[in-house]
Protein backbone atom coordinates (compact mmCIF):
# COMPACT_ATOMS: atom_id res chain seq x y z
CA UNK A 1 164.62 -18.73 12.82
CA UNK A 2 161.80 -20.40 14.76
CA UNK A 3 160.07 -23.21 12.83
CA UNK A 4 156.55 -22.20 11.89
CA UNK A 5 155.29 -25.60 13.04
CA UNK A 6 156.17 -24.46 16.59
CA UNK A 7 155.27 -20.80 16.12
CA UNK A 8 151.76 -21.60 14.91
CA UNK A 9 151.20 -24.77 16.91
CA UNK A 10 147.63 -24.93 18.30
CA UNK A 11 147.52 -24.07 22.00
CA UNK A 12 143.84 -24.89 22.54
CA UNK A 13 141.84 -27.92 21.52
CA UNK A 14 139.34 -25.83 19.56
CA UNK A 15 142.19 -24.55 17.37
CA UNK A 16 142.85 -28.02 15.97
CA UNK A 17 141.09 -28.51 12.66
CA UNK A 18 139.40 -31.68 11.43
CA UNK A 19 139.77 -33.88 14.54
CA UNK A 20 136.79 -32.96 16.73
CA UNK A 21 135.73 -36.55 17.41
CA UNK A 22 139.24 -37.67 18.36
CA UNK A 23 139.72 -34.70 20.71
CA UNK A 24 136.39 -35.43 22.41
CA UNK A 25 137.48 -39.03 23.00
CA UNK A 26 140.86 -37.94 24.44
CA UNK A 27 139.10 -35.57 26.81
CA UNK A 28 136.67 -38.31 27.85
CA UNK A 29 139.53 -40.78 28.42
CA UNK A 30 141.36 -38.38 30.75
CA UNK A 31 138.27 -37.27 32.67
CA UNK A 32 137.08 -40.85 33.29
CA UNK A 33 140.48 -42.48 33.69
CA UNK A 34 139.92 -43.76 37.24
CA UNK A 35 136.57 -45.35 36.33
CA UNK A 36 137.72 -47.45 33.37
CA UNK A 37 139.63 -50.71 32.95
CA UNK A 38 141.98 -49.61 30.20
CA UNK A 39 144.75 -47.40 31.53
CA UNK A 40 146.11 -46.31 28.15
CA UNK A 41 144.82 -44.76 24.93
CA UNK A 42 146.38 -45.42 21.53
CA UNK A 43 146.13 -42.49 19.12
CA UNK A 44 146.65 -43.60 15.54
CA UNK A 45 146.68 -41.80 12.24
CA UNK A 46 149.01 -40.53 9.50
CA UNK A 47 151.91 -38.14 10.02
CA UNK A 48 150.93 -34.53 10.55
CA UNK A 49 147.30 -35.27 11.48
CA UNK A 50 147.64 -33.62 14.91
CA UNK A 51 148.00 -36.51 17.37
CA UNK A 52 150.73 -35.02 19.58
CA UNK A 53 149.52 -31.42 19.53
CA UNK A 54 146.01 -32.63 20.43
CA UNK A 55 147.34 -34.38 23.54
CA UNK A 56 149.15 -31.22 24.65
CA UNK A 57 146.14 -29.01 23.94
CA UNK A 58 143.70 -31.19 25.89
CA UNK A 59 146.21 -31.67 28.72
CA UNK A 60 146.63 -27.92 28.99
CA UNK A 61 142.85 -27.49 29.07
CA UNK A 62 142.47 -30.07 31.90
CA UNK A 63 145.59 -28.95 33.83
CA UNK A 64 147.58 -32.14 33.24
CA UNK A 65 151.34 -32.19 33.43
CA UNK A 66 152.87 -34.19 30.53
CA UNK A 67 155.95 -36.38 30.63
CA UNK A 68 156.79 -37.12 26.99
CA UNK A 69 159.03 -39.99 25.97
CA UNK A 70 159.80 -41.22 22.46
CA UNK A 71 159.37 -44.95 22.06
CA UNK A 72 162.25 -45.20 19.58
CA UNK A 73 164.64 -44.12 22.39
CA UNK A 74 163.99 -47.17 24.60
CA UNK A 75 163.49 -50.26 22.49
CA UNK A 76 164.13 -52.92 25.15
CA UNK A 77 162.63 -54.04 28.44
CA UNK A 78 165.26 -52.44 30.70
CA UNK A 79 164.94 -48.98 29.20
CA UNK A 80 161.14 -49.06 29.15
CA UNK A 81 161.06 -50.00 32.83
CA UNK A 82 163.65 -47.38 33.80
CA UNK A 83 162.11 -44.49 31.84
CA UNK A 84 158.35 -45.14 31.87
CA UNK A 85 158.25 -47.32 34.98
CA UNK A 86 159.91 -44.74 37.17
CA UNK A 87 157.74 -41.96 35.75
CA UNK A 88 154.57 -43.89 36.59
CA UNK A 89 155.52 -44.00 40.26
CA UNK A 90 156.26 -40.29 40.60
CA UNK A 91 153.77 -37.60 41.49
CA UNK A 92 153.46 -34.42 39.45
CA UNK A 93 155.99 -31.72 40.38
CA UNK A 94 153.13 -29.36 41.14
CA UNK A 95 150.91 -31.88 42.90
CA UNK A 96 148.34 -32.01 40.11
CA UNK A 97 147.38 -34.61 37.55
CA UNK A 98 149.97 -36.17 35.29
CA UNK A 99 149.93 -38.20 32.06
CA UNK A 100 152.63 -40.12 30.23
CA UNK A 101 152.89 -39.54 26.47
CA UNK A 102 154.83 -42.26 24.61
CA UNK A 103 155.22 -40.91 21.10
CA UNK A 104 155.70 -43.08 18.00
CA UNK A 105 155.34 -46.57 19.49
CA UNK A 106 155.86 -47.88 15.95
CA UNK A 107 159.51 -47.68 17.03
CA UNK A 108 158.95 -50.64 19.35
CA UNK A 109 157.95 -53.01 16.56
CA UNK A 110 161.37 -53.83 15.12
CA UNK A 111 163.31 -57.07 15.40
CA UNK A 112 165.86 -55.41 17.70
CA UNK A 113 163.31 -54.99 20.50
CA UNK A 114 164.00 -57.05 23.59
CA UNK A 115 160.69 -57.25 25.38
CA UNK A 116 159.96 -53.53 25.03
CA UNK A 117 156.28 -53.94 24.13
CA UNK A 118 155.68 -56.57 26.82
CA UNK A 119 157.29 -54.35 29.45
CA UNK A 120 155.18 -51.40 28.35
CA UNK A 121 151.96 -53.42 28.62
CA UNK A 122 152.82 -54.64 32.13
CA UNK A 123 153.45 -51.07 33.24
CA UNK A 124 150.09 -50.03 31.76
CA UNK A 125 148.26 -52.55 33.95
CA UNK A 126 149.40 -50.96 37.23
CA UNK A 127 149.58 -47.35 36.06
CA UNK A 128 148.16 -44.76 38.45
CA UNK A 129 148.31 -42.08 35.75
CA UNK A 130 146.87 -42.19 32.22
CA UNK A 131 149.21 -43.26 29.43
CA UNK A 132 148.72 -42.03 25.88
CA UNK A 133 150.54 -43.71 23.01
CA UNK A 134 150.76 -42.50 19.41
CA UNK A 135 151.37 -44.53 16.27
CA UNK A 136 151.05 -44.09 12.53
CA UNK A 137 149.95 -47.67 11.86
CA UNK A 138 149.07 -49.79 14.93
CA UNK A 139 147.44 -52.62 12.96
CA UNK A 140 150.54 -54.78 12.66
CA UNK A 141 150.13 -58.29 14.09
CA UNK A 142 152.76 -57.41 16.70
CA UNK A 143 150.34 -54.87 18.21
CA UNK A 144 147.40 -57.29 18.61
CA UNK A 145 147.70 -57.51 22.40
CA UNK A 146 148.51 -53.81 22.76
CA UNK A 147 145.33 -52.87 20.89
CA UNK A 148 143.26 -55.04 23.23
CA UNK A 149 144.72 -53.24 26.25
CA UNK A 150 144.23 -49.69 25.00
CA UNK A 151 141.43 -47.40 23.98
CA UNK A 152 141.84 -46.83 20.25
CA UNK A 153 141.36 -43.25 19.04
CA UNK A 154 141.64 -42.54 15.32
CA UNK A 155 143.01 -39.36 13.76
CA UNK A 156 141.83 -39.05 10.17
CA UNK A 157 143.94 -37.67 7.28
CA UNK A 158 143.35 -33.95 6.93
CA UNK A 159 141.46 -32.65 3.91
CA UNK A 160 143.51 -30.35 1.70
CA UNK A 161 141.01 -27.50 2.22
CA UNK A 162 141.61 -27.70 6.00
CA UNK A 163 145.35 -27.48 5.34
CA UNK A 164 144.77 -24.60 2.91
CA UNK A 165 142.85 -22.67 5.59
CA UNK A 166 145.82 -22.90 7.98
CA UNK A 167 148.33 -21.95 5.26
CA UNK A 168 146.17 -18.99 4.29
CA UNK A 169 146.05 -17.81 7.91
CA UNK A 170 149.85 -18.08 8.24
CA UNK A 171 150.41 -16.16 5.00
CA UNK A 172 148.25 -13.30 6.23
CA UNK A 173 150.05 -13.18 9.58
CA UNK A 174 153.48 -13.28 7.92
CA UNK A 175 152.54 -10.72 5.25
CA UNK A 176 153.06 -13.17 2.38
CA UNK A 177 151.22 -12.55 -0.88
CA UNK A 178 149.80 -15.67 -2.47
CA UNK A 179 147.87 -16.94 -5.44
CA UNK A 180 144.93 -18.99 -4.11
CA UNK A 181 145.28 -21.81 -6.65
CA UNK A 182 149.02 -22.11 -5.95
CA UNK A 183 148.45 -22.21 -2.19
CA UNK A 184 145.80 -24.90 -2.65
CA UNK A 185 148.30 -26.79 -4.78
CA UNK A 186 150.78 -26.56 -1.91
CA UNK A 187 148.10 -27.94 0.44
CA UNK A 188 147.33 -30.87 -1.89
CA UNK A 189 151.02 -31.60 -2.29
CA UNK A 190 151.33 -32.35 1.45
CA UNK A 191 149.06 -35.41 1.19
CA UNK A 192 147.16 -34.70 4.43
CA UNK A 193 150.32 -33.88 6.43
CA UNK A 194 149.82 -30.48 8.09
CA UNK A 195 153.36 -30.36 9.45
CA UNK A 196 154.86 -31.02 6.01
CA UNK A 197 152.64 -28.35 4.43
CA UNK A 198 153.73 -25.68 6.95
CA UNK A 199 157.38 -26.63 6.50
CA UNK A 200 156.98 -26.36 2.72
CA UNK A 201 155.36 -22.94 3.06
CA UNK A 202 158.21 -21.69 5.23
CA UNK A 203 160.75 -23.11 2.79
CA UNK A 204 159.18 -21.35 -0.20
CA UNK A 205 158.59 -18.08 1.65
CA UNK A 206 162.27 -17.90 2.67
CA UNK A 207 163.08 -17.40 -1.02
CA UNK A 208 160.15 -15.28 -2.20
CA UNK A 209 157.57 -12.92 -0.69
CA UNK A 210 154.83 -14.15 -3.03
CA UNK A 211 153.55 -17.71 -3.44
CA UNK A 212 152.84 -18.37 -7.10
CA UNK A 213 152.85 -21.35 -9.41
CA UNK A 214 156.44 -20.82 -10.50
CA UNK A 215 157.76 -20.85 -6.96
CA UNK A 216 156.33 -24.27 -6.08
CA UNK A 217 159.17 -25.75 -8.12
CA UNK A 218 161.49 -24.64 -5.31
CA UNK A 219 160.30 -27.62 -3.29
CA UNK A 220 161.26 -30.00 -6.04
CA UNK A 221 162.06 -32.96 -3.82
CA UNK A 222 158.51 -33.81 -2.71
CA UNK A 223 157.26 -36.37 -5.23
CA UNK A 224 153.57 -36.91 -5.79
CA UNK A 225 152.11 -40.25 -4.78
CA UNK A 226 150.95 -42.32 -7.75
CA UNK A 227 148.36 -45.08 -7.77
CA UNK A 228 149.24 -48.74 -8.17
CA UNK A 229 147.32 -48.75 -11.49
CA UNK A 230 149.61 -46.00 -12.82
CA UNK A 231 152.65 -47.94 -11.66
CA UNK A 232 151.43 -51.09 -13.43
CA UNK A 233 150.96 -49.10 -16.62
CA UNK A 234 154.56 -47.91 -16.44
CA UNK A 235 155.82 -51.46 -15.97
CA UNK A 236 153.58 -53.37 -18.36
CA UNK A 237 153.35 -50.78 -21.14
CA UNK A 238 157.06 -50.03 -21.57
CA UNK A 239 160.24 -51.71 -22.79
CA UNK A 240 162.52 -48.96 -21.43
CA UNK A 241 164.41 -50.06 -18.27
CA UNK A 242 164.70 -46.55 -16.75
CA UNK A 243 160.93 -45.96 -16.89
CA UNK A 244 160.11 -49.37 -15.41
CA UNK A 245 162.75 -49.17 -12.67
CA UNK A 246 161.28 -46.01 -11.13
CA UNK A 247 157.65 -47.12 -11.47
CA UNK A 248 157.20 -48.12 -7.80
CA UNK A 249 159.17 -45.27 -6.20
CA UNK A 250 156.10 -43.27 -5.15
CA UNK A 251 153.52 -46.01 -4.63
CA UNK A 252 152.10 -46.43 -1.11
CA UNK A 253 151.68 -50.21 -1.31
CA UNK A 254 153.81 -52.81 0.45
CA UNK A 255 155.75 -55.37 -1.59
CA UNK A 256 153.28 -58.19 -0.94
CA UNK A 257 150.41 -56.11 -2.31
CA UNK A 258 152.38 -55.01 -5.38
CA UNK A 259 153.23 -58.61 -6.21
CA UNK A 260 149.58 -59.64 -5.86
CA UNK A 261 148.53 -56.83 -8.21
CA UNK A 262 151.09 -58.04 -10.77
CA UNK A 263 150.00 -61.65 -10.35
CA UNK A 264 146.38 -60.70 -11.02
CA UNK A 265 146.99 -58.46 -14.02
CA UNK A 266 149.90 -60.00 -15.94
CA UNK A 267 147.63 -62.34 -17.98
CA UNK A 268 145.47 -59.38 -19.00
CA UNK A 269 148.46 -57.63 -20.57
CA UNK A 270 150.83 -60.36 -21.77
CA UNK A 271 148.93 -62.53 -24.24
CA UNK A 272 151.93 -64.33 -25.79
CA UNK A 273 152.68 -67.53 -23.80
CA UNK A 274 156.49 -67.24 -23.91
CA UNK A 275 156.41 -63.60 -22.71
CA UNK A 276 153.91 -64.40 -19.98
CA UNK A 277 156.16 -67.27 -18.87
CA UNK A 278 159.20 -64.98 -18.65
CA UNK A 279 157.23 -62.37 -16.71
CA UNK A 280 155.99 -64.94 -14.17
CA UNK A 281 159.53 -66.31 -13.89
CA UNK A 282 160.69 -62.86 -12.75
CA UNK A 283 157.74 -62.55 -10.35
CA UNK A 284 158.48 -66.02 -8.95
CA UNK A 285 162.15 -65.20 -8.32
CA UNK A 286 161.14 -61.95 -6.65
CA UNK A 287 158.84 -63.92 -4.34
CA UNK A 288 161.76 -66.18 -3.36
CA UNK A 289 163.82 -63.13 -2.34
CA UNK A 290 160.79 -61.71 -0.50
CA UNK A 291 160.58 -64.91 1.54
CA UNK A 292 164.27 -64.67 2.42
CA UNK A 293 163.74 -61.13 3.68
CA UNK A 294 160.91 -62.28 5.95
CA UNK A 295 162.83 -65.29 7.29
CA UNK A 296 166.34 -63.85 7.58
CA UNK A 297 165.75 -60.07 7.59
CA UNK A 298 168.24 -59.67 4.72
CA UNK A 299 166.87 -56.39 3.42
CA UNK A 300 169.56 -56.03 0.75
CA UNK A 301 167.44 -58.43 -1.32
CA UNK A 302 164.85 -55.66 -1.72
CA UNK A 303 166.91 -54.17 -4.56
CA UNK A 304 166.77 -57.49 -6.43
CA UNK A 305 163.01 -57.72 -5.92
CA UNK A 306 162.44 -54.22 -7.31
CA UNK A 307 164.53 -54.93 -10.42
CA UNK A 308 162.82 -58.26 -11.06
CA UNK A 309 159.24 -56.99 -10.79
CA UNK A 310 159.89 -53.78 -12.75
CA UNK A 311 162.68 -54.10 -15.34
CA UNK A 312 162.50 -57.90 -15.41
CA UNK A 313 158.78 -57.98 -16.16
CA UNK A 314 158.93 -54.99 -18.53
CA UNK A 315 161.67 -56.61 -20.65
CA UNK A 316 159.94 -59.99 -20.74
CA UNK A 317 158.10 -58.73 -23.83
CA UNK A 318 159.72 -57.78 -27.15
CA UNK A 319 157.40 -54.84 -27.73
CA UNK A 320 154.58 -53.21 -25.82
CA UNK A 321 151.01 -54.37 -26.39
CA UNK A 322 148.64 -51.85 -27.97
CA UNK A 323 145.46 -53.28 -26.46
CA UNK A 324 144.02 -51.44 -23.43
CA UNK A 325 143.88 -53.55 -20.28
CA UNK A 326 141.79 -52.74 -17.20
CA UNK A 327 143.95 -53.42 -14.13
CA UNK A 328 141.94 -54.62 -11.15
CA UNK A 329 142.89 -55.57 -7.56
CA UNK A 330 143.49 -59.20 -6.77
CA UNK A 331 140.53 -61.18 -5.52
CA UNK A 332 142.89 -63.05 -3.22
CA UNK A 333 143.18 -60.04 -0.92
CA UNK A 334 139.40 -59.83 -0.68
CA UNK A 335 139.15 -63.55 0.14
CA UNK A 336 141.83 -63.22 2.80
CA UNK A 337 140.06 -60.16 4.22
CA UNK A 338 136.76 -62.04 4.38
CA UNK A 339 138.42 -64.96 6.15
CA UNK A 340 140.14 -62.62 8.62
CA UNK A 341 136.89 -60.78 9.34
CA UNK A 342 135.15 -64.08 9.97
CA UNK A 343 137.67 -65.15 12.59
CA UNK A 344 138.74 -61.74 13.94
CA UNK A 345 136.65 -61.94 17.12
CA UNK A 346 137.90 -65.46 17.79
CA UNK A 347 141.51 -64.27 17.40
CA UNK A 348 140.96 -61.28 19.71
CA UNK A 349 139.37 -63.50 22.37
CA UNK A 350 142.22 -66.01 22.05
CA UNK A 351 144.77 -63.21 22.49
CA UNK A 352 143.13 -62.16 25.77
CA UNK A 353 143.00 -65.77 26.99
CA UNK A 354 146.66 -66.27 26.05
CA UNK A 355 147.66 -63.18 28.02
CA UNK A 356 145.95 -64.42 31.17
CA UNK A 357 146.86 -68.12 30.92
CA UNK A 358 150.44 -67.71 29.59
CA UNK A 359 149.88 -69.83 26.51
CA UNK A 360 149.99 -69.05 22.79
CA UNK A 361 146.97 -67.63 20.96
CA UNK A 362 146.99 -70.68 18.69
CA UNK A 363 146.79 -73.00 21.69
CA UNK A 364 143.96 -70.90 23.16
CA UNK A 365 141.97 -71.20 19.92
CA UNK A 366 142.39 -74.97 19.85
CA UNK A 367 142.02 -75.88 23.52
CA UNK A 368 140.16 -73.09 25.36
CA UNK A 369 137.79 -71.20 23.07
CA UNK A 370 135.58 -74.26 22.29
CA UNK A 371 135.01 -74.88 26.04
CA UNK A 372 134.37 -71.18 26.65
CA UNK A 373 131.57 -71.24 24.06
CA UNK A 374 129.93 -74.08 26.01
CA UNK A 375 130.30 -72.17 29.30
CA UNK A 376 128.89 -68.93 27.87
CA UNK A 377 125.83 -70.76 26.50
CA UNK A 378 125.07 -72.67 29.72
CA UNK A 379 126.51 -70.91 32.78
CA UNK A 380 125.82 -67.17 32.95
CA UNK A 381 127.47 -66.62 36.35
CA UNK A 382 130.73 -68.27 35.33
CA UNK A 383 130.61 -66.50 31.97
CA UNK A 384 130.28 -63.12 33.72
CA UNK A 385 133.27 -63.89 35.96
CA UNK A 386 135.39 -64.92 32.98
CA UNK A 387 134.36 -61.83 31.02
CA UNK A 388 135.42 -59.57 33.86
CA UNK A 389 138.69 -61.41 34.44
CA UNK A 390 139.95 -61.27 30.84
CA UNK A 391 138.22 -57.98 29.90
CA UNK A 392 135.86 -59.18 27.15
CA UNK A 393 133.73 -56.54 25.42
CA UNK A 394 130.05 -56.91 24.48
CA UNK A 395 130.74 -58.07 20.91
CA UNK A 396 133.14 -60.77 22.09
CA UNK A 397 130.66 -61.98 24.72
CA UNK A 398 127.95 -62.08 22.06
CA UNK A 399 130.17 -64.14 19.77
CA UNK A 400 130.86 -66.68 22.50
CA UNK A 401 127.13 -67.05 23.19
CA UNK A 402 126.23 -67.79 19.56
C-alpha cells in the first residue's frame, strides 16, 4: 500500500498550507542566486512542517533538477567532498538548472563528525549551483558559522486547523466517514507535524471505515506533550516513585532547563529545611552526572540523572505539602538571554573574522574587534573594504560604528 504522505504530497507550491512566506523566500533565493553572496539557504523548522516538499514544489515550478543527499549519510570530510563536492561540479543531466538539497544537516552535529561541517561550508563558497539545507534546530553553537554563511528561512509549526483541513480532504477522497471533533483531535494530537498526522490517519483508517472518538485509542503509542509545570507538579506533589519517575517522559525541555526549573521552584514547595536539603542534594548529584556527560559523552549517566531529579527529589519529603505553589521559570535563563542578546552581534562579527583570519572567535573578540570599531568610526573606505571582505550585514556594520 502506498503511504498517504507520498500519495497526497503537494506537487505545487500553492498546495502547501501555512508556509507562504517561507516559500516566497525560497523562490527568491533560487531566482536571484547568481546575484547574491550567500550560495546556500538553510530551511529550519519542526518535523512535518513542509521543508522538503516545499523545496521540491518550488524546484518543479522553476524547472530545477534536484540532487538530494541526506546529511546523516556522510558525517565526515571525505564523504561530504565525494558526494556533494562532485555533484557541485556536474551539470544537470538535461542541461537546465540544478540545486543540491542536503536534508537533515542536524546529522552533522554529532561528536563522530570529522570535519563534515567545515567541508560543507568550503564547498558552499565555490558552488556554481544553489545549495539548500534543512534542519529541525540550527541554533546549536556548532552551527554559528554555518548560519552566517547561509540565508535562513523559517518554517513555522502548523496550526492544528491547517492539519485538520488536509485530513478532511484526504478522508473525502478516500471515502472515510469521520466525526469532525474526532478528526480535529487527531490533528491536535500530531503537535504541528503534518506527516505524523497523515500517518496516524492512515493507521486508523486501515482498521475502521469511520473515524470516531473510540477509534483514536488505536494509536495508543503517541503520548501527549505535557508542560514543565505539570511535570514539576508530578515530582513535587507526590511520594510515589512510579509517578515521579515518568514525570519527564513527555516534556520538551532539555536537561539543563529542567534542572534550572527545579532549582528555582524547590524552595517554594519544600518548606522543611531537612527535606529541602535532601532535595538539593539529589539535584546537586544530578548536576555532577550532567557535567560528566558533557565532558566525557557518557550518556549512560542520563538514567541516573532522571532518577535523582524525579524519584530522588520526590522521596526527599515524608509527605506531600498541601499548600499550592506557583511554579515559575528561572530568572537565571532570562539573565543569560539578556547577556547573550547584548553580545550576540559581537560574537557573530568575531565568528566572521575568525573564519577569514584562521583564529578562534575568542581571540578575534579580544584582539581584533576593538581595533575594527576604531577603523569603522574613523576610516569609511577601509571599513567598506573590510565589510565586503568578511560579509558584514548592515546591523553588524552599525554596531561597529557605535
